[in-house]
């Protein structure tokens, strides 16, 4: 099992939209809106490293309103 935290910047005015969409992904266990350099931190749990790549490329990066992400994979 792979656990990661993703820091997300959203485009202006899209915070609630992105937060809502992220909560619909089965891989995401937790979504928190935050203050600072990023707007959202999401906890993601997937079965394998291959699933990490699939989730990021096929779901996260094509989500409307996301401008930048930084992925932190736990050890």
N, C-alpha and C. Protein backbone atom coordinates (compact mmCIF):
# COMPACT_ATOMS: atom_id res chain seq x y z
N UNK A 1 0.84 -1.17 0.00
CA UNK A 1 0.00 0.00 0.00
C UNK A 1 0.89 1.24 0.00
N UNK A 2 0.54 2.20 -0.82
CA UNK A 2 1.28 3.45 -0.94
C UNK A 2 0.43 4.61 -0.41
N UNK A 3 1.01 5.38 0.49
CA UNK A 3 0.33 6.55 1.04
C UNK A 3 1.10 7.79 0.60
N UNK A 4 0.37 8.77 0.13
CA UNK A 4 1.01 10.02 -0.30
C UNK A 4 0.13 11.19 0.09
N UNK A 5 0.77 12.33 0.18
CA UNK A 5 0.07 13.58 0.40
C UNK A 5 0.34 14.45 -0.82
N UNK A 6 -0.70 15.07 -1.34
CA UNK A 6 -0.54 15.91 -2.52
C UNK A 6 -0.92 17.34 -2.14
N UNK A 7 0.01 18.24 -2.37
CA UNK A 7 -0.20 19.67 -2.17
C UNK A 7 -0.70 20.23 -3.50
N UNK A 8 -1.77 20.99 -3.46
CA UNK A 8 -2.44 21.42 -4.68
C UNK A 8 -2.69 22.92 -4.66
N UNK A 9 -2.31 23.59 -5.76
CA UNK A 9 -2.69 24.98 -5.99
C UNK A 9 -3.84 24.97 -6.98
N UNK A 10 -4.83 25.80 -6.73
CA UNK A 10 -5.97 25.88 -7.64
C UNK A 10 -6.05 27.26 -8.27
N UNK A 11 -6.71 27.32 -9.41
CA UNK A 11 -6.89 28.60 -10.08
C UNK A 11 -7.90 29.44 -9.29
N UNK A 12 -7.78 30.73 -9.42
CA UNK A 12 -8.60 31.67 -8.65
C UNK A 12 -10.09 31.36 -8.81
N UNK A 13 -10.77 31.28 -7.69
CA UNK A 13 -12.21 31.07 -7.70
C UNK A 13 -12.66 29.62 -7.84
N UNK A 14 -11.73 28.67 -7.87
CA UNK A 14 -12.09 27.27 -8.11
C UNK A 14 -11.88 26.37 -6.89
N UNK A 15 -11.61 26.94 -5.73
CA UNK A 15 -11.28 26.14 -4.55
C UNK A 15 -12.39 25.16 -4.18
N UNK A 16 -13.60 25.61 -4.06
CA UNK A 16 -14.71 24.73 -3.66
C UNK A 16 -14.98 23.68 -4.72
N UNK A 17 -14.90 24.04 -6.00
CA UNK A 17 -15.10 23.10 -7.09
C UNK A 17 -14.07 21.97 -7.03
N UNK A 18 -12.80 22.33 -6.89
CA UNK A 18 -11.73 21.33 -6.86
C UNK A 18 -11.86 20.46 -5.61
N UNK A 19 -12.11 21.05 -4.47
CA UNK A 19 -12.28 20.28 -3.23
C UNK A 19 -13.38 19.24 -3.39
N UNK A 20 -14.48 19.64 -3.98
CA UNK A 20 -15.61 18.75 -4.18
C UNK A 20 -15.25 17.60 -5.13
N UNK A 21 -14.59 17.91 -6.22
CA UNK A 21 -14.20 16.88 -7.19
C UNK A 21 -13.22 15.89 -6.56
N UNK A 22 -12.27 16.38 -5.78
CA UNK A 22 -11.28 15.49 -5.16
C UNK A 22 -11.94 14.51 -4.20
N UNK A 23 -12.95 14.94 -3.50
CA UNK A 23 -13.65 14.06 -2.55
C UNK A 23 -14.36 12.90 -3.25
N UNK A 24 -14.61 13.03 -4.54
CA UNK A 24 -15.26 11.96 -5.30
C UNK A 24 -14.30 10.85 -5.72
N UNK A 25 -12.99 11.10 -5.67
CA UNK A 25 -12.03 10.07 -6.07
C UNK A 25 -11.88 9.04 -4.96
N UNK A 26 -12.04 7.78 -5.29
CA UNK A 26 -11.95 6.72 -4.28
C UNK A 26 -10.57 6.61 -3.66
N UNK A 27 -9.54 7.04 -4.35
CA UNK A 27 -8.16 6.96 -3.84
C UNK A 27 -7.88 8.00 -2.75
N UNK A 28 -8.67 9.05 -2.71
CA UNK A 28 -8.43 10.13 -1.76
C UNK A 28 -9.20 9.87 -0.47
N UNK A 29 -8.45 9.78 0.63
CA UNK A 29 -9.06 9.53 1.94
C UNK A 29 -9.43 10.81 2.67
N UNK A 30 -8.72 11.89 2.37
CA UNK A 30 -8.94 13.13 3.11
C UNK A 30 -8.57 14.32 2.24
N UNK A 31 -9.38 15.38 2.32
CA UNK A 31 -9.12 16.63 1.60
C UNK A 31 -9.25 17.77 2.59
N UNK A 32 -8.22 18.60 2.68
CA UNK A 32 -8.26 19.76 3.57
C UNK A 32 -7.85 21.01 2.81
N UNK A 33 -8.64 22.06 2.93
CA UNK A 33 -8.27 23.36 2.39
C UNK A 33 -7.33 24.01 3.40
N UNK A 34 -6.25 24.59 2.91
CA UNK A 34 -5.21 25.12 3.79
C UNK A 34 -4.81 26.53 3.37
N UNK A 35 -4.11 27.23 4.26
CA UNK A 35 -3.54 28.54 3.97
C UNK A 35 -2.05 28.37 3.71
N UNK A 36 -1.50 29.22 2.86
CA UNK A 36 -0.07 29.16 2.57
C UNK A 36 0.18 29.08 1.08
N UNK A 37 1.29 28.50 0.71
CA UNK A 37 1.69 28.41 -0.69
C UNK A 37 0.72 27.57 -1.51
N UNK A 38 0.11 26.57 -0.88
CA UNK A 38 -0.85 25.70 -1.55
C UNK A 38 -2.24 25.94 -0.98
N UNK A 39 -3.25 25.49 -1.71
CA UNK A 39 -4.64 25.70 -1.31
C UNK A 39 -5.28 24.47 -0.69
N UNK A 40 -4.80 23.29 -1.09
CA UNK A 40 -5.40 22.03 -0.63
C UNK A 40 -4.29 21.03 -0.34
N UNK A 41 -4.50 20.20 0.68
CA UNK A 41 -3.67 19.02 0.90
C UNK A 41 -4.61 17.83 0.90
N UNK A 42 -4.23 16.80 0.14
CA UNK A 42 -5.06 15.61 0.03
C UNK A 42 -4.24 14.38 0.41
N UNK A 43 -4.84 13.50 1.20
CA UNK A 43 -4.21 12.23 1.55
C UNK A 43 -4.73 11.18 0.58
N UNK A 44 -3.79 10.50 -0.08
CA UNK A 44 -4.13 9.52 -1.10
C UNK A 44 -3.55 8.17 -0.71
N UNK A 45 -4.36 7.12 -0.86
CA UNK A 45 -3.90 5.76 -0.59
C UNK A 45 -4.22 4.90 -1.81
N UNK A 46 -3.18 4.26 -2.35
CA UNK A 46 -3.34 3.35 -3.49
C UNK A 46 -2.59 2.05 -3.20
N UNK A 47 -2.84 1.05 -4.01
CA UNK A 47 -2.26 -0.27 -3.77
C UNK A 47 -0.78 -0.39 -4.12
N UNK A 48 -0.32 0.32 -5.15
CA UNK A 48 1.05 0.11 -5.63
C UNK A 48 1.61 1.39 -6.25
N UNK A 49 2.91 1.38 -6.51
CA UNK A 49 3.56 2.52 -7.16
C UNK A 49 2.99 2.76 -8.56
N UNK A 50 2.61 1.69 -9.24
CA UNK A 50 2.00 1.84 -10.56
C UNK A 50 0.69 2.62 -10.47
N UNK A 51 -0.06 2.37 -9.39
CA UNK A 51 -1.32 3.07 -9.18
C UNK A 51 -1.11 4.55 -8.88
N UNK A 52 0.02 4.88 -8.27
CA UNK A 52 0.37 6.29 -8.02
C UNK A 52 0.40 7.04 -9.34
N UNK A 53 1.16 6.51 -10.28
CA UNK A 53 1.31 7.15 -11.60
C UNK A 53 -0.04 7.25 -12.32
N UNK A 54 -0.82 6.17 -12.31
CA UNK A 54 -2.12 6.18 -12.97
C UNK A 54 -3.05 7.23 -12.36
N UNK A 55 -3.07 7.29 -11.03
CA UNK A 55 -3.95 8.25 -10.37
C UNK A 55 -3.56 9.69 -10.74
N UNK A 56 -2.28 10.00 -10.64
CA UNK A 56 -1.83 11.36 -10.92
C UNK A 56 -2.10 11.75 -12.37
N UNK A 57 -1.72 10.88 -13.30
CA UNK A 57 -1.87 11.22 -14.72
C UNK A 57 -3.31 11.18 -15.22
N UNK A 58 -4.07 10.17 -14.79
CA UNK A 58 -5.39 9.94 -15.37
C UNK A 58 -6.54 10.58 -14.60
N UNK A 59 -6.30 11.03 -13.39
CA UNK A 59 -7.37 11.66 -12.62
C UNK A 59 -7.00 13.05 -12.12
N UNK A 60 -5.91 13.12 -11.37
CA UNK A 60 -5.58 14.38 -10.70
C UNK A 60 -5.24 15.50 -11.68
N UNK A 61 -4.30 15.25 -12.57
CA UNK A 61 -3.81 16.33 -13.44
C UNK A 61 -4.81 16.78 -14.50
N UNK A 62 -5.87 16.02 -14.71
CA UNK A 62 -6.88 16.46 -15.68
C UNK A 62 -8.09 17.10 -15.00
N UNK A 63 -8.00 17.27 -13.70
CA UNK A 63 -9.11 17.88 -12.95
C UNK A 63 -9.13 19.39 -13.20
N UNK A 64 -10.26 19.89 -13.63
CA UNK A 64 -10.42 21.32 -13.90
C UNK A 64 -10.16 22.13 -12.63
N UNK A 65 -9.36 23.18 -12.76
CA UNK A 65 -9.11 24.09 -11.66
C UNK A 65 -7.80 23.87 -10.94
N UNK A 66 -7.14 22.75 -11.20
CA UNK A 66 -5.84 22.50 -10.57
C UNK A 66 -4.76 23.13 -11.43
N UNK A 67 -3.93 23.96 -10.81
CA UNK A 67 -2.86 24.60 -11.58
C UNK A 67 -1.49 23.97 -11.31
N UNK A 68 -1.23 23.57 -10.06
CA UNK A 68 0.07 23.01 -9.71
C UNK A 68 -0.11 21.97 -8.60
N UNK A 69 0.71 20.92 -8.66
CA UNK A 69 0.69 19.94 -7.57
C UNK A 69 2.12 19.58 -7.16
N UNK A 70 2.22 19.12 -5.94
CA UNK A 70 3.48 18.56 -5.43
C UNK A 70 3.11 17.31 -4.64
N UNK A 71 3.70 16.17 -5.03
CA UNK A 71 3.36 14.89 -4.41
C UNK A 71 4.45 14.48 -3.44
N UNK A 72 4.02 14.11 -2.23
CA UNK A 72 4.92 13.65 -1.19
C UNK A 72 4.55 12.22 -0.88
N UNK A 73 5.42 11.27 -1.24
CA UNK A 73 5.16 9.85 -1.02
C UNK A 73 5.81 9.44 0.29
N UNK A 74 5.04 8.83 1.18
CA UNK A 74 5.57 8.45 2.48
C UNK A 74 6.45 7.21 2.37
N UNK A 75 7.32 7.05 3.37
CA UNK A 75 8.21 5.89 3.39
C UNK A 75 7.62 4.78 4.20
